[in-house]
Amino acid sequence: MPADWFACIFKAKECNSENRGPYSSYEDLGVFSLLLTVLRPILVLFVRFRLLPGWELEHPGFGLQVAVILVLVMALYLILKIRHRRPVLRALGWVWPHTHCVMLAPLLGVLLAGVSICLHGQAQNTRTIPLVEAMLLGVVFGPILEESFFRGCLLPVLAGSLSNSVAVILTALVFALFHHPANLAHWVSFSGSGVAYGWIRLTSRSTTAATLTHAAYNLVLLVFAGS
């Protein structure tokens, strides 16, 4: 009887661990991608019904950008929650990493930013919105959304059917494409940083670590742009 009891406990813990692990699928990615494709037509309807000024479509203000980010984050959460009815945040990797990863993550971001600055020079690093808004978008909201999707959702899906290294590289390339790179230097910068975010995500088993790296990277670029 005690042996059976301990076996039941072990299996229950194993099951709970699986429930907390990554479970996103290609179908989830498809649903989220579909949402991205219909987002602009929805905004166009907002403009048509005068719920949004037309210039916001080409030059979105801070409020619209934050609203879109929050909608997308909530949409990703709801897609996973409704489709799988399991805990979402831990499955996306939103756990606190080990102390050494907490220290390594921002240092890696600073190093990546230094390389990017060397590649692009002064011309690429210009800021057109107030510093506080740029900080909130680039250091808080942006990294949370992008890492939740790319390293929290997309990377585990690819790693489930491919090797980790291939999954990291493919995720980085999609990440770079998402940022519309204008030239080879941009491709190298976004792809290289994407590989680094993927590496620390897998190493730390935490999207939080990847987000800290991403936030530090953007912070250095913003400071450099304002100097």
C-alpha atoms as a PDB file:
ATOM      1  CA  MET A   1       0.000   0.000   0.000  1.00  0.00           C
ATOM      2  CA  PRO A   2       2.702   2.606   0.842  1.00  0.00           C
ATOM      3  CA  ALA A   3       4.504   1.801  -2.403  1.00  0.00           C
ATOM      4  CA  ASP A   4       1.315   2.370  -4.383  1.00  0.00           C
ATOM      5  CA  TRP A   5       0.711   5.587  -2.499  1.00  0.00           C
ATOM      6  CA  PHE A   6       4.184   6.931  -3.281  1.00  0.00           C
ATOM      7  CA  ALA A   7       3.782   5.881  -6.924  1.00  0.00           C
ATOM      8  CA  CYS A   8       0.524   7.833  -7.146  1.00  0.00           C
ATOM      9  CA  ILE A   9       2.196  10.902  -5.653  1.00  0.00           C
ATOM     10  CA  PHE A  10       5.105  10.615  -8.103  1.00  0.00           C
ATOM     11  CA  LYS A  11       2.762  10.319 -11.078  1.00  0.00           C
ATOM     12  CA  ALA A  12       0.693  13.255  -9.875  1.00  0.00           C
ATOM     13  CA  LYS A  13       3.805  15.430  -9.591  1.00  0.00           C
ATOM     14  CA  GLU A  14       4.931  14.294 -13.030  1.00  0.00           C
ATOM     15  CA  CYS A  15       1.520  15.152 -14.489  1.00  0.00           C
ATOM     16  CA  ASN A  16       1.502  18.569 -12.793  1.00  0.00           C
ATOM     17  CA  SER A  17       4.980  19.249 -14.151  1.00  0.00           C
ATOM     18  CA  GLU A  18       3.798  18.414 -17.666  1.00  0.00           C
ATOM     19  CA  ASN A  19       0.789  20.678 -17.220  1.00  0.00           C
ATOM     20  CA  ARG A  20       3.121  23.534 -16.390  1.00  0.00           C
ATOM     21  CA  GLY A  21       5.484  22.902 -19.289  1.00  0.00           C
ATOM     22  CA  PRO A  22       5.296  24.159 -22.883  1.00  0.00           C
ATOM     23  CA  TYR A  23       2.327  22.838 -24.821  1.00  0.00           C
ATOM     24  CA  SER A  24       1.755  25.405 -27.585  1.00  0.00           C
ATOM     25  CA  SER A  25       1.250  24.013 -31.086  1.00  0.00           C
ATOM     26  CA  TYR A  26       1.428  25.026 -34.733  1.00  0.00           C
ATOM     27  CA  GLU A  27      -2.354  25.509 -34.607  1.00  0.00           C
ATOM     28  CA  ASP A  28      -1.908  28.112 -31.856  1.00  0.00           C
ATOM     29  CA  LEU A  29       0.670  29.897 -33.980  1.00  0.00           C
ATOM     30  CA  GLY A  30      -1.761  29.851 -36.904  1.00  0.00           C
ATOM     31  CA  VAL A  31      -4.578  31.372 -34.862  1.00  0.00           C
ATOM     32  CA  PHE A  32      -2.303  34.117 -33.542  1.00  0.00           C
ATOM     33  CA  SER A  33      -0.914  34.804 -37.029  1.00  0.00           C
ATOM     34  CA  LEU A  34      -4.466  35.107 -38.344  1.00  0.00           C
ATOM     35  CA  LEU A  35      -5.152  37.705 -35.673  1.00  0.00           C
ATOM     36  CA  LEU A  36      -2.089  39.658 -36.802  1.00  0.00           C
ATOM     37  CA  THR A  37      -3.316  39.674 -40.401  1.00  0.00           C
ATOM     38  CA  VAL A  38      -6.757  41.042 -39.487  1.00  0.00           C
ATOM     39  CA  LEU A  39      -5.434  43.633 -37.048  1.00  0.00           C
ATOM     40  CA  ARG A  40      -4.747  46.309 -39.661  1.00  0.00           C
ATOM     41  CA  PRO A  41      -8.154  45.921 -41.403  1.00  0.00           C
ATOM     42  CA  ILE A  42      -9.762  46.328 -37.985  1.00  0.00           C
ATOM     43  CA  LEU A  43      -7.808  49.544 -37.428  1.00  0.00           C
ATOM     44  CA  VAL A  44      -8.865  50.727 -40.899  1.00  0.00           C
ATOM     45  CA  LEU A  45     -12.488  50.213 -39.844  1.00  0.00           C
ATOM     46  CA  PHE A  46     -11.798  52.262 -36.728  1.00  0.00           C
ATOM     47  CA  VAL A  47     -10.548  55.078 -38.965  1.00  0.00           C
ATOM     48  CA  ARG A  48     -13.567  54.775 -41.266  1.00  0.00           C
ATOM     49  CA  PHE A  49     -15.952  55.087 -38.322  1.00  0.00           C
ATOM     50  CA  ARG A  50     -13.898  57.998 -36.970  1.00  0.00           C
ATOM     51  CA  LEU A  51     -12.872  56.119 -33.867  1.00  0.00           C
ATOM     52  CA  LEU A  52      -9.229  56.660 -34.775  1.00  0.00           C
ATOM     53  CA  PRO A  53      -7.467  59.461 -36.669  1.00  0.00           C
ATOM     54  CA  GLY A  54      -6.216  58.389 -40.077  1.00  0.00           C
ATOM     55  CA  TRP A  55      -2.617  59.464 -39.479  1.00  0.00           C
ATOM     56  CA  GLU A  56      -2.330  56.914 -36.665  1.00  0.00           C
ATOM     57  CA  LEU A  57      -2.216  54.099 -39.233  1.00  0.00           C
ATOM     58  CA  GLU A  58       1.088  55.301 -40.654  1.00  0.00           C
ATOM     59  CA  HIS A  59       2.495  56.969 -37.539  1.00  0.00           C
ATOM     60  CA  PRO A  60       0.874  55.266 -34.523  1.00  0.00           C
ATOM     61  CA  GLY A  61       1.082  57.242 -31.324  1.00  0.00           C
ATOM     62  CA  PHE A  62       2.139  55.946 -27.945  1.00  0.00           C
ATOM     63  CA  GLY A  63      -1.413  55.190 -26.822  1.00  0.00           C
ATOM     64  CA  LEU A  64      -2.246  53.145 -29.910  1.00  0.00           C
ATOM     65  CA  GLN A  65       1.007  51.202 -29.734  1.00  0.00           C
ATOM     66  CA  VAL A  66       0.444  50.300 -26.098  1.00  0.00           C
ATOM     67  CA  ALA A  67      -3.165  49.348 -26.817  1.00  0.00           C
ATOM     68  CA  VAL A  68      -2.138  47.064 -29.704  1.00  0.00           C
ATOM     69  CA  ILE A  69       0.579  45.417 -27.600  1.00  0.00           C
ATOM     70  CA  LEU A  70      -1.825  44.782 -24.723  1.00  0.00           C
ATOM     71  CA  VAL A  71      -4.442  43.370 -27.105  1.00  0.00           C
ATOM     72  CA  LEU A  72      -1.896  41.009 -28.660  1.00  0.00           C
ATOM     73  CA  VAL A  73      -0.552  39.850 -25.298  1.00  0.00           C
ATOM     74  CA  MET A  74      -4.071  39.195 -24.060  1.00  0.00           C
ATOM     75  CA  ALA A  75      -4.963  37.458 -27.336  1.00  0.00           C
ATOM     76  CA  LEU A  76      -1.970  35.120 -27.034  1.00  0.00           C
ATOM     77  CA  TYR A  77      -2.936  34.335 -23.450  1.00  0.00           C
ATOM     78  CA  LEU A  78      -6.571  33.652 -24.331  1.00  0.00           C
ATOM     79  CA  ILE A  79      -5.707  31.519 -27.369  1.00  0.00           C
ATOM     80  CA  LEU A  80      -3.618  29.204 -25.215  1.00  0.00           C
ATOM     81  CA  LYS A  81      -5.998  29.287 -22.263  1.00  0.00           C
ATOM     82  CA  ILE A  82      -9.154  28.581 -24.270  1.00  0.00           C
ATOM     83  CA  ARG A  83      -7.606  25.975 -26.567  1.00  0.00           C
ATOM     84  CA  HIS A  84      -5.742  24.032 -23.879  1.00  0.00           C
ATOM     85  CA  ARG A  85      -7.376  25.057 -20.572  1.00  0.00           C
ATOM     86  CA  ARG A  86      -4.075  24.820 -18.766  1.00  0.00           C
ATOM     87  CA  PRO A  87      -1.803  27.346 -16.962  1.00  0.00           C
ATOM     88  CA  VAL A  88      -0.378  29.779 -19.505  1.00  0.00           C
ATOM     89  CA  LEU A  89       2.334  31.941 -17.952  1.00  0.00           C
ATOM     90  CA  ARG A  90       4.601  29.107 -16.844  1.00  0.00           C
ATOM     91  CA  ALA A  91       4.029  27.321 -20.155  1.00  0.00           C
ATOM     92  CA  LEU A  92       5.280  30.453 -21.938  1.00  0.00           C
ATOM     93  CA  GLY A  93       8.403  30.411 -19.775  1.00  0.00           C
ATOM     94  CA  TRP A  94       7.422  33.255 -17.473  1.00  0.00           C
ATOM     95  CA  VAL A  95       9.345  31.942 -14.481  1.00  0.00           C
ATOM     96  CA  TRP A  96      12.148  33.608 -12.547  1.00  0.00           C
ATOM     97  CA  PRO A  97      15.513  32.243 -13.712  1.00  0.00           C
ATOM     98  CA  HIS A  98      18.473  31.273 -11.559  1.00  0.00           C
ATOM     99  CA  THR A  99      20.515  34.127 -10.090  1.00  0.00           C
ATOM    100  CA  HIS A 100      23.437  33.688 -12.487  1.00  0.00           C
ATOM    101  CA  CYS A 101      21.039  33.981 -15.441  1.00  0.00           C
ATOM    102  CA  VAL A 102      19.508  37.132 -13.948  1.00  0.00           C
ATOM    103  CA  MET A 103      22.989  38.667 -13.881  1.00  0.00           C
ATOM    104  CA  LEU A 104      24.037  37.310 -17.272  1.00  0.00           C
ATOM    105  CA  ALA A 105      20.899  38.374 -19.172  1.00  0.00           C
ATOM    106  CA  PRO A 106      21.309  42.195 -19.009  1.00  0.00           C
ATOM    107  CA  LEU A 107      25.078  41.933 -19.568  1.00  0.00           C
ATOM    108  CA  LEU A 108      24.412  39.962 -22.725  1.00  0.00           C
ATOM    109  CA  GLY A 109      21.921  42.626 -23.830  1.00  0.00           C
ATOM    110  CA  VAL A 110      24.498  45.381 -23.317  1.00  0.00           C
ATOM    111  CA  LEU A 111      27.080  43.428 -25.312  1.00  0.00           C
ATOM    112  CA  LEU A 112      24.633  42.846 -28.169  1.00  0.00           C
ATOM    113  CA  ALA A 113      23.712  46.530 -28.209  1.00  0.00           C
ATOM    114  CA  GLY A 114      27.379  47.476 -28.465  1.00  0.00           C
ATOM    115  CA  VAL A 115      27.785  45.223 -31.491  1.00  0.00           C
ATOM    116  CA  SER A 116      24.628  46.669 -33.058  1.00  0.00           C
ATOM    117  CA  ILE A 117      25.859  50.220 -32.551  1.00  0.00           C
ATOM    118  CA  CYS A 118      29.137  49.332 -34.247  1.00  0.00           C
ATOM    119  CA  LEU A 119      27.212  47.875 -37.194  1.00  0.00           C
ATOM    120  CA  HIS A 120      24.760  50.724 -37.647  1.00  0.00           C
ATOM    121  CA  GLY A 121      26.588  53.791 -36.400  1.00  0.00           C
ATOM    122  CA  GLN A 122      24.932  57.048 -35.404  1.00  0.00           C
ATOM    123  CA  ALA A 123      22.474  57.262 -38.314  1.00  0.00           C
ATOM    124  CA  GLN A 124      20.441  54.257 -37.265  1.00  0.00           C
ATOM    125  CA  ASN A 125      20.058  55.256 -33.648  1.00  0.00           C
ATOM    126  CA  THR A 126      17.691  58.211 -33.718  1.00  0.00           C
ATOM    127  CA  ARG A 127      14.686  58.675 -31.460  1.00  0.00           C
ATOM    128  CA  THR A 128      11.541  60.438 -32.679  1.00  0.00           C
ATOM    129  CA  ILE A 129       9.290  60.121 -29.599  1.00  0.00           C
ATOM    130  CA  PRO A 130       9.708  61.380 -26.014  1.00  0.00           C
ATOM    131  CA  LEU A 131      12.228  59.438 -23.945  1.00  0.00           C
ATOM    132  CA  VAL A 132       9.720  58.197 -21.364  1.00  0.00           C
ATOM    133  CA  GLU A 133       7.414  56.799 -24.047  1.00  0.00           C
ATOM    134  CA  ALA A 134      10.365  55.243 -25.880  1.00  0.00           C
ATOM    135  CA  MET A 135      11.524  53.615 -22.639  1.00  0.00           C
ATOM    136  CA  LEU A 136       8.113  52.159 -21.886  1.00  0.00           C
ATOM    137  CA  LEU A 137       7.714  50.790 -25.398  1.00  0.00           C
ATOM    138  CA  GLY A 138      11.269  49.601 -25.923  1.00  0.00           C
ATOM    139  CA  VAL A 139      12.179  48.377 -22.459  1.00  0.00           C
ATOM    140  CA  VAL A 140       8.849  47.174 -21.051  1.00  0.00           C
ATOM    141  CA  PHE A 141       5.921  46.573 -23.405  1.00  0.00           C
ATOM    142  CA  GLY A 142       7.793  45.618 -26.577  1.00  0.00           C
ATOM    143  CA  PRO A 143      10.117  42.997 -25.060  1.00  0.00           C
ATOM    144  CA  ILE A 144       7.260  41.431 -23.079  1.00  0.00           C
ATOM    145  CA  LEU A 145       5.115  40.932 -26.194  1.00  0.00           C
ATOM    146  CA  GLU A 146       7.907  39.848 -28.525  1.00  0.00           C
ATOM    147  CA  GLU A 147       9.539  37.425 -26.102  1.00  0.00           C
ATOM    148  CA  SER A 148       6.174  35.972 -25.069  1.00  0.00           C
ATOM    149  CA  PHE A 149       5.492  35.065 -28.686  1.00  0.00           C
ATOM    150  CA  PHE A 150       8.896  34.360 -30.204  1.00  0.00           C
ATOM    151  CA  ARG A 151      10.752  32.705 -27.325  1.00  0.00           C
ATOM    152  CA  GLY A 152       7.779  31.751 -25.186  1.00  0.00           C
ATOM    153  CA  CYS A 153       5.516  30.253 -27.863  1.00  0.00           C
ATOM    154  CA  LEU A 154       7.225  29.883 -31.261  1.00  0.00           C
ATOM    155  CA  LEU A 155      10.586  28.551 -30.071  1.00  0.00           C
ATOM    156  CA  PRO A 156       9.160  25.636 -28.012  1.00  0.00           C
ATOM    157  CA  VAL A 157       6.900  24.642 -30.918  1.00  0.00           C
ATOM    158  CA  LEU A 158       9.833  24.506 -33.352  1.00  0.00           C
ATOM    159  CA  ALA A 159      12.066  22.802 -30.783  1.00  0.00           C
ATOM    160  CA  GLY A 160       9.427  20.109 -30.430  1.00  0.00           C
ATOM    161  CA  SER A 161       9.873  19.008 -34.047  1.00  0.00           C
ATOM    162  CA  LEU A 162      13.419  20.220 -34.786  1.00  0.00           C
ATOM    163  CA  SER A 163      16.722  20.379 -32.952  1.00  0.00           C
ATOM    164  CA  ASN A 164      17.189  23.198 -30.449  1.00  0.00           C
ATOM    165  CA  SER A 165      19.857  24.920 -32.540  1.00  0.00           C
ATOM    166  CA  VAL A 166      17.719  24.895 -35.694  1.00  0.00           C
ATOM    167  CA  ALA A 167      14.703  26.102 -33.707  1.00  0.00           C
ATOM    168  CA  VAL A 168      16.699  28.996 -32.253  1.00  0.00           C
ATOM    169  CA  ILE A 169      17.982  30.058 -35.686  1.00  0.00           C
ATOM    170  CA  LEU A 170      14.573  29.807 -37.382  1.00  0.00           C
ATOM    171  CA  THR A 171      12.940  31.750 -34.559  1.00  0.00           C
ATOM    172  CA  ALA A 172      15.638  34.414 -34.857  1.00  0.00           C
ATOM    173  CA  LEU A 173      15.059  34.719 -38.614  1.00  0.00           C
ATOM    174  CA  VAL A 174      11.303  35.109 -38.135  1.00  0.00           C
ATOM    175  CA  PHE A 175      12.047  37.660 -35.409  1.00  0.00           C
ATOM    176  CA  ALA A 176      14.273  39.594 -37.810  1.00  0.00           C
ATOM    177  CA  LEU A 177      11.647  39.455 -40.564  1.00  0.00           C
ATOM    178  CA  PHE A 178       9.048  40.785 -38.126  1.00  0.00           C
ATOM    179  CA  HIS A 179      11.182  43.936 -37.725  1.00  0.00           C
ATOM    180  CA  HIS A 180      11.334  44.586 -41.509  1.00  0.00           C
ATOM    181  CA  PRO A 181      15.137  44.776 -41.872  1.00  0.00           C
ATOM    182  CA  ALA A 182      16.117  47.333 -44.487  1.00  0.00           C
ATOM    183  CA  ASN A 183      19.599  46.035 -45.263  1.00  0.00           C
ATOM    184  CA  LEU A 184      22.115  43.322 -44.463  1.00  0.00           C
ATOM    185  CA  ALA A 185      23.329  45.057 -41.310  1.00  0.00           C
ATOM    186  CA  HIS A 186      19.780  45.064 -39.969  1.00  0.00           C
ATOM    187  CA  TRP A 187      19.400  41.373 -40.787  1.00  0.00           C
ATOM    188  CA  VAL A 188      22.623  40.578 -38.946  1.00  0.00           C
ATOM    189  CA  SER A 189      21.647  42.703 -35.956  1.00  0.00           C
ATOM    190  CA  PHE A 190      18.117  41.367 -35.504  1.00  0.00           C
ATOM    191  CA  SER A 191      19.033  37.772 -36.325  1.00  0.00           C
ATOM    192  CA  GLY A 192      22.077  37.825 -34.055  1.00  0.00           C
ATOM    193  CA  SER A 193      20.164  39.282 -31.137  1.00  0.00           C
ATOM    194  CA  GLY A 194      17.348  36.803 -31.800  1.00  0.00           C
ATOM    195  CA  VAL A 195      19.790  33.898 -31.588  1.00  0.00           C
ATOM    196  CA  ALA A 196      21.088  35.276 -28.281  1.00  0.00           C
ATOM    197  CA  TYR A 197      17.559  35.617 -26.872  1.00  0.00           C
ATOM    198  CA  GLY A 198      16.791  32.067 -27.940  1.00  0.00           C
ATOM    199  CA  TRP A 199      20.008  30.738 -26.453  1.00  0.00           C
ATOM    200  CA  ILE A 200      19.419  32.291 -23.047  1.00  0.00           C
ATOM    201  CA  ARG A 201      15.770  31.196 -23.169  1.00  0.00           C
ATOM    202  CA  LEU A 202      16.807  27.565 -23.573  1.00  0.00           C
ATOM    203  CA  THR A 203      19.766  27.817 -21.211  1.00  0.00           C
ATOM    204  CA  SER A 204      17.762  29.388 -18.394  1.00  0.00           C
ATOM    205  CA  ARG A 205      14.460  27.719 -19.308  1.00  0.00           C
ATOM    206  CA  SER A 206      12.950  31.157 -18.762  1.00  0.00           C
ATOM    207  CA  THR A 207      11.380  33.698 -21.089  1.00  0.00           C
ATOM    208  CA  THR A 208      11.991  36.198 -18.285  1.00  0.00           C
ATOM    209  CA  ALA A 209      15.740  35.914 -18.888  1.00  0.00           C
ATOM    210  CA  ALA A 210      15.304  36.485 -22.626  1.00  0.00           C
ATOM    211  CA  THR A 211      13.130  39.513 -21.883  1.00  0.00           C
ATOM    212  CA  LEU A 212      15.766  40.979 -19.548  1.00  0.00           C
ATOM    213  CA  THR A 213      18.349  40.601 -22.313  1.00  0.00           C
ATOM    214  CA  HIS A 214      16.005  42.176 -24.862  1.00  0.00           C
ATOM    215  CA  ALA A 215      15.136  45.056 -22.525  1.00  0.00           C
ATOM    216  CA  ALA A 216      18.805  45.770 -21.756  1.00  0.00           C
ATOM    217  CA  TYR A 217      19.605  45.736 -25.480  1.00  0.00           C
ATOM    218  CA  ASN A 218      16.871  48.268 -26.250  1.00  0.00           C
ATOM    219  CA  LEU A 219      17.787  50.405 -23.238  1.00  0.00           C
ATOM    220  CA  VAL A 220      21.368  50.837 -24.386  1.00  0.00           C
ATOM    221  CA  LEU A 221      20.227  51.744 -27.908  1.00  0.00           C
ATOM    222  CA  LEU A 222      17.779  54.313 -26.529  1.00  0.00           C
ATOM    223  CA  VAL A 223      20.437  55.876 -24.307  1.00  0.00           C
ATOM    224  CA  PHE A 224      22.820  55.966 -27.227  1.00  0.00           C
ATOM    225  CA  ALA A 225      20.154  57.569 -29.422  1.00  0.00           C
ATOM    226  CA  GLY A 226      19.602  60.336 -26.893  1.00  0.00           C
ATOM    227  CA  SER A 227      23.302  61.088 -26.421  1.00  0.00           C
END
